[in-house]
PDB file of N, CA and C in Angstrom:
ATOM      1  N   MET A   1      93.807  80.108  92.733  1.00  0.00           N
ATOM      2  CA  MET A   1      93.080  80.265  93.976  1.00  0.00           C
ATOM      3  C   MET A   1      94.038  80.718  95.076  1.00  0.00           C
ATOM      4  N   VAL A   2      93.439  81.455  96.012  1.00  0.00           N
ATOM      5  CA  VAL A   2      94.212  82.021  97.118  1.00  0.00           C
ATOM      6  C   VAL A   2      93.490  81.673  98.396  1.00  0.00           C
ATOM      7  N   THR A   3      94.245  81.348  99.445  1.00  0.00           N
ATOM      8  CA  THR A   3      93.678  81.044 100.731  1.00  0.00           C
ATOM      9  C   THR A   3      93.650  82.337 101.551  1.00  0.00           C
ATOM     10  N   ILE A   4      92.474  82.657 102.112  1.00  0.00           N
ATOM     11  CA  ILE A   4      92.268  83.820 102.931  1.00  0.00           C
ATOM     12  C   ILE A   4      91.619  83.436 104.224  1.00  0.00           C
ATOM     13  N   ARG A   5      91.647  84.346 105.193  1.00  0.00           N
ATOM     14  CA  ARG A   5      90.900  84.161 106.468  1.00  0.00           C
ATOM     15  C   ARG A   5      90.487  85.530 106.941  1.00  0.00           C
ATOM     16  N   LEU A   6      89.179  85.747 107.005  1.00  0.00           N
ATOM     17  CA  LEU A   6      88.635  86.997 107.523  1.00  0.00           C
ATOM     18  C   LEU A   6      88.804  87.024 109.007  1.00  0.00           C
ATOM     19  N   PRO A   7      89.156  88.163 109.557  1.00  0.00           N
ATOM     20  CA  PRO A   7      89.283  88.265 111.041  1.00  0.00           C
ATOM     21  C   PRO A   7      87.904  88.128 111.721  1.00  0.00           C
ATOM     22  N   ARG A   8      87.868  87.512 112.889  1.00  0.00           N
ATOM     23  CA  ARG A   8      86.651  87.372 113.656  1.00  0.00           C
ATOM     24  C   ARG A   8      86.261  88.741 114.208  1.00  0.00           C
ATOM     25  N   ASP A   9      85.005  88.945 114.389  1.00  0.00           N
ATOM     26  CA  ASP A   9      84.517  90.136 115.024  1.00  0.00           C
ATOM     27  C   ASP A   9      84.271  89.846 116.487  1.00  0.00           C
ATOM     28  N   PRO A  10      84.898  90.585 117.358  1.00  0.00           N
ATOM     29  CA  PRO A  10      84.749  90.243 118.814  1.00  0.00           C
ATOM     30  C   PRO A  10      83.365  90.462 119.376  1.00  0.00           C
ATOM     31  N   ASP A  11      82.550  91.225 118.667  1.00  0.00           N
ATOM     32  CA  ASP A  11      81.227  91.489 119.142  1.00  0.00           C
ATOM     33  C   ASP A  11      80.271  90.315 118.694  1.00  0.00           C
ATOM     34  N   PRO A  12      79.727  89.561 119.608  1.00  0.00           N
ATOM     35  CA  PRO A  12      78.889  88.436 119.187  1.00  0.00           C
ATOM     36  C   PRO A  12      77.608  88.845 118.477  1.00  0.00           C
ATOM     37  N   ARG A  13      77.229  90.055 118.600  1.00  0.00           N
ATOM     38  CA  ARG A  13      75.973  90.575 117.985  1.00  0.00           C
ATOM     39  C   ARG A  13      76.161  90.749 116.481  1.00  0.00           C
ATOM     40  N   HIS A  14      77.428  90.841 116.015  1.00  0.00           N
ATOM     41  CA  HIS A  14      77.687  91.063 114.620  1.00  0.00           C
ATOM     42  C   HIS A  14      77.735  89.720 113.917  1.00  0.00           C
ATOM     43  N   PRO A  15      77.360  89.665 112.643  1.00  0.00           N
ATOM     44  CA  PRO A  15      77.388  88.373 111.948  1.00  0.00           C
ATOM     45  C   PRO A  15      78.857  87.877 111.761  1.00  0.00           C
ATOM     46  N   GLN A  16      78.991  86.569 111.899  1.00  0.00           N
ATOM     47  CA  GLN A  16      80.330  85.979 111.791  1.00  0.00           C
ATOM     48  C   GLN A  16      80.573  85.494 110.377  1.00  0.00           C
ATOM     49  N   GLN A  17      79.982  86.162 109.368  1.00  0.00           N
ATOM     50  CA  GLN A  17      80.217  85.796 107.973  1.00  0.00           C
ATOM     51  C   GLN A  17      80.025  87.108 107.212  1.00  0.00           C
ATOM     52  N   GLU A  18      80.606  87.193 105.975  1.00  0.00           N
ATOM     53  CA  GLU A  18      80.446  88.334 105.115  1.00  0.00           C
ATOM     54  C   GLU A  18      80.028  87.897 103.699  1.00  0.00           C
ATOM     55  N   PHE A  19      79.270  88.747 103.059  1.00  0.00           N
ATOM     56  CA  PHE A  19      78.792  88.482 101.694  1.00  0.00           C
ATOM     57  C   PHE A  19      79.610  89.311 100.741  1.00  0.00           C
ATOM     58  N   PHE A  20      80.148  88.693  99.681  1.00  0.00           N
ATOM     59  CA  PHE A  20      80.859  89.374  98.596  1.00  0.00           C
ATOM     60  C   PHE A  20      80.253  88.936  97.287  1.00  0.00           C
ATOM     61  N   SER A  21      80.314  89.783  96.285  1.00  0.00           N
ATOM     62  CA  SER A  21      79.793  89.402  94.964  1.00  0.00           C
ATOM     63  C   SER A  21      80.745  90.013  93.945  1.00  0.00           C
ATOM     64  N   LEU A  22      81.111  89.222  92.952  1.00  0.00           N
ATOM     65  CA  LEU A  22      81.954  89.641  91.868  1.00  0.00           C
ATOM     66  C   LEU A  22      81.534  89.002  90.578  1.00  0.00           C
ATOM     67  N   ASN A  23      81.193  89.818  89.572  1.00  0.00           N
ATOM     68  CA  ASN A  23      80.748  89.291  88.299  1.00  0.00           C
ATOM     69  C   ASN A  23      79.589  88.318  88.413  1.00  0.00           C
ATOM     70  N   PHE A  24      78.642  88.654  89.175  1.00  0.00           N
ATOM     71  CA  PHE A  24      77.382  87.875  89.393  1.00  0.00           C
ATOM     72  C   PHE A  24      77.629  86.546  90.129  1.00  0.00           C
ATOM     73  N   LYS A  25      78.820  86.338  90.687  1.00  0.00           N
ATOM     74  CA  LYS A  25      79.053  85.178  91.553  1.00  0.00           C
ATOM     75  C   LYS A  25      79.073  85.634  92.986  1.00  0.00           C
ATOM     76  N   ASN A  26      78.332  84.952  93.819  1.00  0.00           N
ATOM     77  CA  ASN A  26      78.225  85.356  95.194  1.00  0.00           C
ATOM     78  C   ASN A  26      79.047  84.442  96.131  1.00  0.00           C
ATOM     79  N   TYR A  27      79.619  85.023  97.140  1.00  0.00           N
ATOM     80  CA  TYR A  27      80.446  84.315  98.102  1.00  0.00           C
ATOM     81  C   TYR A  27      80.009  84.754  99.492  1.00  0.00           C
ATOM     82  N   ILE A  28      79.736  83.741 100.357  1.00  0.00           N
ATOM     83  CA  ILE A  28      79.489  84.022 101.772  1.00  0.00           C
ATOM     84  C   ILE A  28      80.685  83.369 102.512  1.00  0.00           C
ATOM     85  N   ILE A  29      81.461  84.187 103.126  1.00  0.00           N
ATOM     86  CA  ILE A  29      82.704  83.733 103.728  1.00  0.00           C
ATOM     87  C   ILE A  29      82.601  83.885 105.266  1.00  0.00           C
ATOM     88  N   LYS A  30      82.815  82.740 105.933  1.00  0.00           N
ATOM     89  CA  LYS A  30      82.720  82.680 107.397  1.00  0.00           C
ATOM     90  C   LYS A  30      84.028  83.281 107.934  1.00  0.00           C
ATOM     91  N   ARG A  31      83.851  84.065 108.981  1.00  0.00           N
ATOM     92  CA  ARG A  31      85.002  84.694 109.643  1.00  0.00           C
ATOM     93  C   ARG A  31      85.781  83.665 110.455  1.00  0.00           C
ATOM     94  N   GLY A  32      87.144  83.794 110.430  1.00  0.00           N
ATOM     95  CA  GLY A  32      88.006  82.962 111.222  1.00  0.00           C
ATOM     96  C   GLY A  32      88.328  81.627 110.642  1.00  0.00           C
ATOM     97  N   VAL A  33      87.784  81.338 109.458  1.00  0.00           N
ATOM     98  CA  VAL A  33      87.980  80.025 108.819  1.00  0.00           C
ATOM     99  C   VAL A  33      88.763  80.187 107.494  1.00  0.00           C
ATOM    100  N   PRO A  34      89.863  79.539 107.303  1.00  0.00           N
ATOM    101  CA  PRO A  34      90.616  79.651 106.033  1.00  0.00           C
ATOM    102  C   PRO A  34      89.775  79.062 104.923  1.00  0.00           C
ATOM    103  N   VAL A  35      89.679  79.831 103.846  1.00  0.00           N
ATOM    104  CA  VAL A  35      88.939  79.417 102.679  1.00  0.00           C
ATOM    105  C   VAL A  35      89.735  79.733 101.390  1.00  0.00           C
ATOM    106  N   GLU A  36      89.489  79.006 100.342  1.00  0.00           N
ATOM    107  CA  GLU A  36      90.152  79.340  99.067  1.00  0.00           C
ATOM    108  C   GLU A  36      89.150  80.055  98.199  1.00  0.00           C
ATOM    109  N   VAL A  37      89.606  81.179  97.645  1.00  0.00           N
ATOM    110  CA  VAL A  37      88.782  81.975  96.735  1.00  0.00           C
ATOM    111  C   VAL A  37      89.632  82.334  95.527  1.00  0.00           C
ATOM    112  N   PRO A  38      89.030  82.688  94.398  1.00  0.00           N
ATOM    113  CA  PRO A  38      89.760  83.200  93.268  1.00  0.00           C
ATOM    114  C   PRO A  38      90.556  84.484  93.664  1.00  0.00           C
ATOM    115  N   LYS A  39      91.652  84.683  92.994  1.00  0.00           N
ATOM    116  CA  LYS A  39      92.490  85.845  93.298  1.00  0.00           C
ATOM    117  C   LYS A  39      91.759  87.118  93.186  1.00  0.00           C
ATOM    118  N   ALA A  40      90.840  87.236  92.236  1.00  0.00           N
ATOM    119  CA  ALA A  40      90.085  88.503  92.101  1.00  0.00           C
ATOM    120  C   ALA A  40      89.184  88.743  93.279  1.00  0.00           C
ATOM    121  N   VAL A  41      88.652  87.719  93.861  1.00  0.00           N
ATOM    122  CA  VAL A  41      87.840  87.889  95.096  1.00  0.00           C
ATOM    123  C   VAL A  41      88.695  88.310  96.254  1.00  0.00           C
ATOM    124  N   ALA A  42      89.884  87.754  96.378  1.00  0.00           N
ATOM    125  CA  ALA A  42      90.807  88.149  97.438  1.00  0.00           C
ATOM    126  C   ALA A  42      91.155  89.636  97.278  1.00  0.00           C
ATOM    127  N   GLU A  43      91.346  90.100  96.075  1.00  0.00           N
ATOM    128  CA  GLU A  43      91.651  91.499  95.810  1.00  0.00           C
ATOM    129  C   GLU A  43      90.481  92.343  96.193  1.00  0.00           C
ATOM    130  N   LEU A  44      89.292  91.927  95.858  1.00  0.00           N
ATOM    131  CA  LEU A  44      88.081  92.648  96.230  1.00  0.00           C
ATOM    132  C   LEU A  44      87.952  92.807  97.777  1.00  0.00           C
ATOM    133  N   ILE A  45      88.250  91.748  98.475  1.00  0.00           N
ATOM    134  CA  ILE A  45      88.133  91.764  99.941  1.00  0.00           C
ATOM    135  C   ILE A  45      89.213  92.696 100.496  1.00  0.00           C
ATOM    136  N   GLN A  46      90.418  92.600  99.923  1.00  0.00           N
ATOM    137  CA  GLN A  46      91.490  93.506 100.442  1.00  0.00           C
ATOM    138  C   GLN A  46      91.167  94.956 100.188  1.00  0.00           C
ATOM    139  N   ASN A  47      90.589  95.255  98.974  1.00  0.00           N
ATOM    140  CA  ASN A  47      90.173  96.642  98.690  1.00  0.00           C
ATOM    141  C   ASN A  47      89.104  97.130  99.686  1.00  0.00           C
ATOM    142  N   LYS A  48      88.246  96.254 100.090  1.00  0.00           N
ATOM    143  CA  LYS A  48      87.200  96.583 101.081  1.00  0.00           C
ATOM    144  C   LYS A  48      87.868  97.024 102.399  1.00  0.00           C
ATOM    145  N   TYR A  49      88.792  96.177 102.871  1.00  0.00           N
ATOM    146  CA  TYR A  49      89.440  96.507 104.112  1.00  0.00           C
ATOM    147  C   TYR A  49      90.303  97.730 104.044  1.00  0.00           C
ATOM    148  N   ASP A  50      90.956  97.928 102.880  1.00  0.00           N
ATOM    149  CA  ASP A  50      91.751  99.162 102.680  1.00  0.00           C
ATOM    150  C   ASP A  50      90.894 100.402 102.694  1.00  0.00           C
ATOM    151  N   ALA A  51      89.725 100.321 102.106  1.00  0.00           N
ATOM    152  CA  ALA A  51      88.846 101.478 102.081  1.00  0.00           C
ATOM    153  C   ALA A  51      88.282 101.781 103.433  1.00  0.00           C
ATOM    154  N   GLU A  52      87.989 100.753 104.231  1.00  0.00           N
ATOM    155  CA  GLU A  52      87.541 100.985 105.606  1.00  0.00           C
ATOM    156  C   GLU A  52      88.629 101.641 106.477  1.00  0.00           C
ATOM    157  N   ASP A  53      89.880 101.207 106.253  1.00  0.00           N
ATOM    158  CA  ASP A  53      90.993 101.826 107.012  1.00  0.00           C
ATOM    159  C   ASP A  53      91.126 103.291 106.582  1.00  0.00           C
ATOM    160  N   TYR A  54      91.046 103.582 105.314  1.00  0.00           N
ATOM    161  CA  TYR A  54      91.111 104.893 104.856  1.00  0.00           C
ATOM    162  C   TYR A  54      90.010 105.830 105.469  1.00  0.00           C
ATOM    163  N   ILE A  55      88.781 105.282 105.493  1.00  0.00           N
ATOM    164  CA  ILE A  55      87.709 106.017 106.061  1.00  0.00           C
ATOM    165  C   ILE A  55      87.940 106.346 107.546  1.00  0.00           C
ATOM    166  N   ARG A  56      88.438 105.319 108.278  1.00  0.00           N
ATOM    167  CA  ARG A  56      88.723 105.548 109.755  1.00  0.00           C
ATOM    168  C   ARG A  56      89.822 106.594 109.866  1.00  0.00           C
ATOM    169  N   ASP A  57      90.835 106.487 109.070  1.00  0.00           N
ATOM    170  CA  ASP A  57      91.960 107.459 109.159  1.00  0.00           C
ATOM    171  C   ASP A  57      91.463 108.887 108.859  1.00  0.00           C
ATOM    172  N   TYR A  58      90.681 109.024 107.834  1.00  0.00           N
ATOM    173  CA  TYR A  58      90.160 110.346 107.454  1.00  0.00           C
ATOM    174  C   TYR A  58      89.235 110.893 108.498  1.00  0.00           C
ATOM    175  N   ASP A  59      88.408 110.019 109.094  1.00  0.00           N
ATOM    176  CA  ASP A  59      87.533 110.451 110.168  1.00  0.00           C
ATOM    177  C   ASP A  59      88.292 110.962 111.351  1.00  0.00           C
ATOM    178  N   GLU A  60      89.394 110.265 111.725  1.00  0.00           N
ATOM    179  CA  GLU A  60      90.231 110.741 112.804  1.00  0.00           C
ATOM    180  C   GLU A  60      90.906 112.084 112.473  1.00  0.00           C
ATOM    181  N   TYR A  61      91.384 112.207 111.194  1.00  0.00           N
ATOM    182  CA  TYR A  61      91.929 113.437 110.748  1.00  0.00           C
ATOM    183  C   TYR A  61      91.001 114.609 110.876  1.00  0.00           C
ATOM    184  N   LEU A  62      89.726 114.396 110.509  1.00  0.00           N
ATOM    185  CA  LEU A  62      88.775 115.455 110.579  1.00  0.00           C
ATOM    186  C   LEU A  62      88.461 115.838 112.059  1.00  0.00           C
ATOM    187  N   LYS A  63      88.445 114.844 112.942  1.00  0.00           N
ATOM    188  CA  LYS A  63      88.244 115.132 114.365  1.00  0.00           C
ATOM    189  C   LYS A  63      89.404 115.998 114.911  1.00  0.00           C
ATOM    190  N   TYR A  64      90.612 115.625 114.571  1.00  0.00           N
ATOM    191  CA  TYR A  64      91.788 116.386 115.097  1.00  0.00           C
ATOM    192  C   TYR A  64      91.847 117.768 114.433  1.00  0.00           C
ATOM    193  N   LYS A  65      91.483 117.859 113.141  1.00  0.00           N
ATOM    194  CA  LYS A  65      91.525 119.121 112.475  1.00  0.00           C
ATOM    195  C   LYS A  65      90.537 120.115 113.079  1.00  0.00           C
ATOM    196  N   GLY A  66      89.332 119.601 113.533  1.00  0.00           N
ATOM    197  CA  GLY A  66      88.386 120.503 114.180  1.00  0.00           C
ATOM    198  C   GLY A  66      88.823 120.974 115.518  1.00  0.00           C
ATOM    199  N   LYS A  67      89.757 120.264 116.143  1.00  0.00           N
ATOM    200  CA  LYS A  67      90.306 120.695 117.448  1.00  0.00           C
ATOM    201  C   LYS A  67      91.559 121.543 117.292  1.00  0.00           C
ATOM    202  N   GLY A  68      91.965 121.902 116.053  1.00  0.00           N
ATOM    203  CA  GLY A  68      93.136 122.714 115.863  1.00  0.00           C
ATOM    204  C   GLY A  68      94.447 122.021 115.944  1.00  0.00           C
ATOM    205  N   ILE A  69      94.414 120.705 115.976  1.00  0.00           N
ATOM    206  CA  ILE A  69      95.624 119.838 116.014  1.00  0.00           C
ATOM    207  C   ILE A  69      96.063 119.522 114.605  1.00  0.00           C
ATOM    208  N   LYS A  70      97.327 119.713 114.271  1.00  0.00           N
ATOM    209  CA  LYS A  70      97.826 119.406 112.964  1.00  0.00           C
ATOM    210  C   LYS A  70      98.637 118.129 112.962  1.00  0.00           C
TER     211      LYS A  70
END
């Protein structure tokens, strides 16, 4: 088991919990609260955040590329 803590979302309109599912097991994890999850679930969550970061970086790259900035 691994202890994780999801960052809080500063926008109160957004849900303060997230749903994850792995191998037909479901997890609802509250933001800002340390919880213990299996290592595989922690890796799943980390992969989610890594993918979101990659998408944001790529989106910024495309914006700058369209303006002729390298």
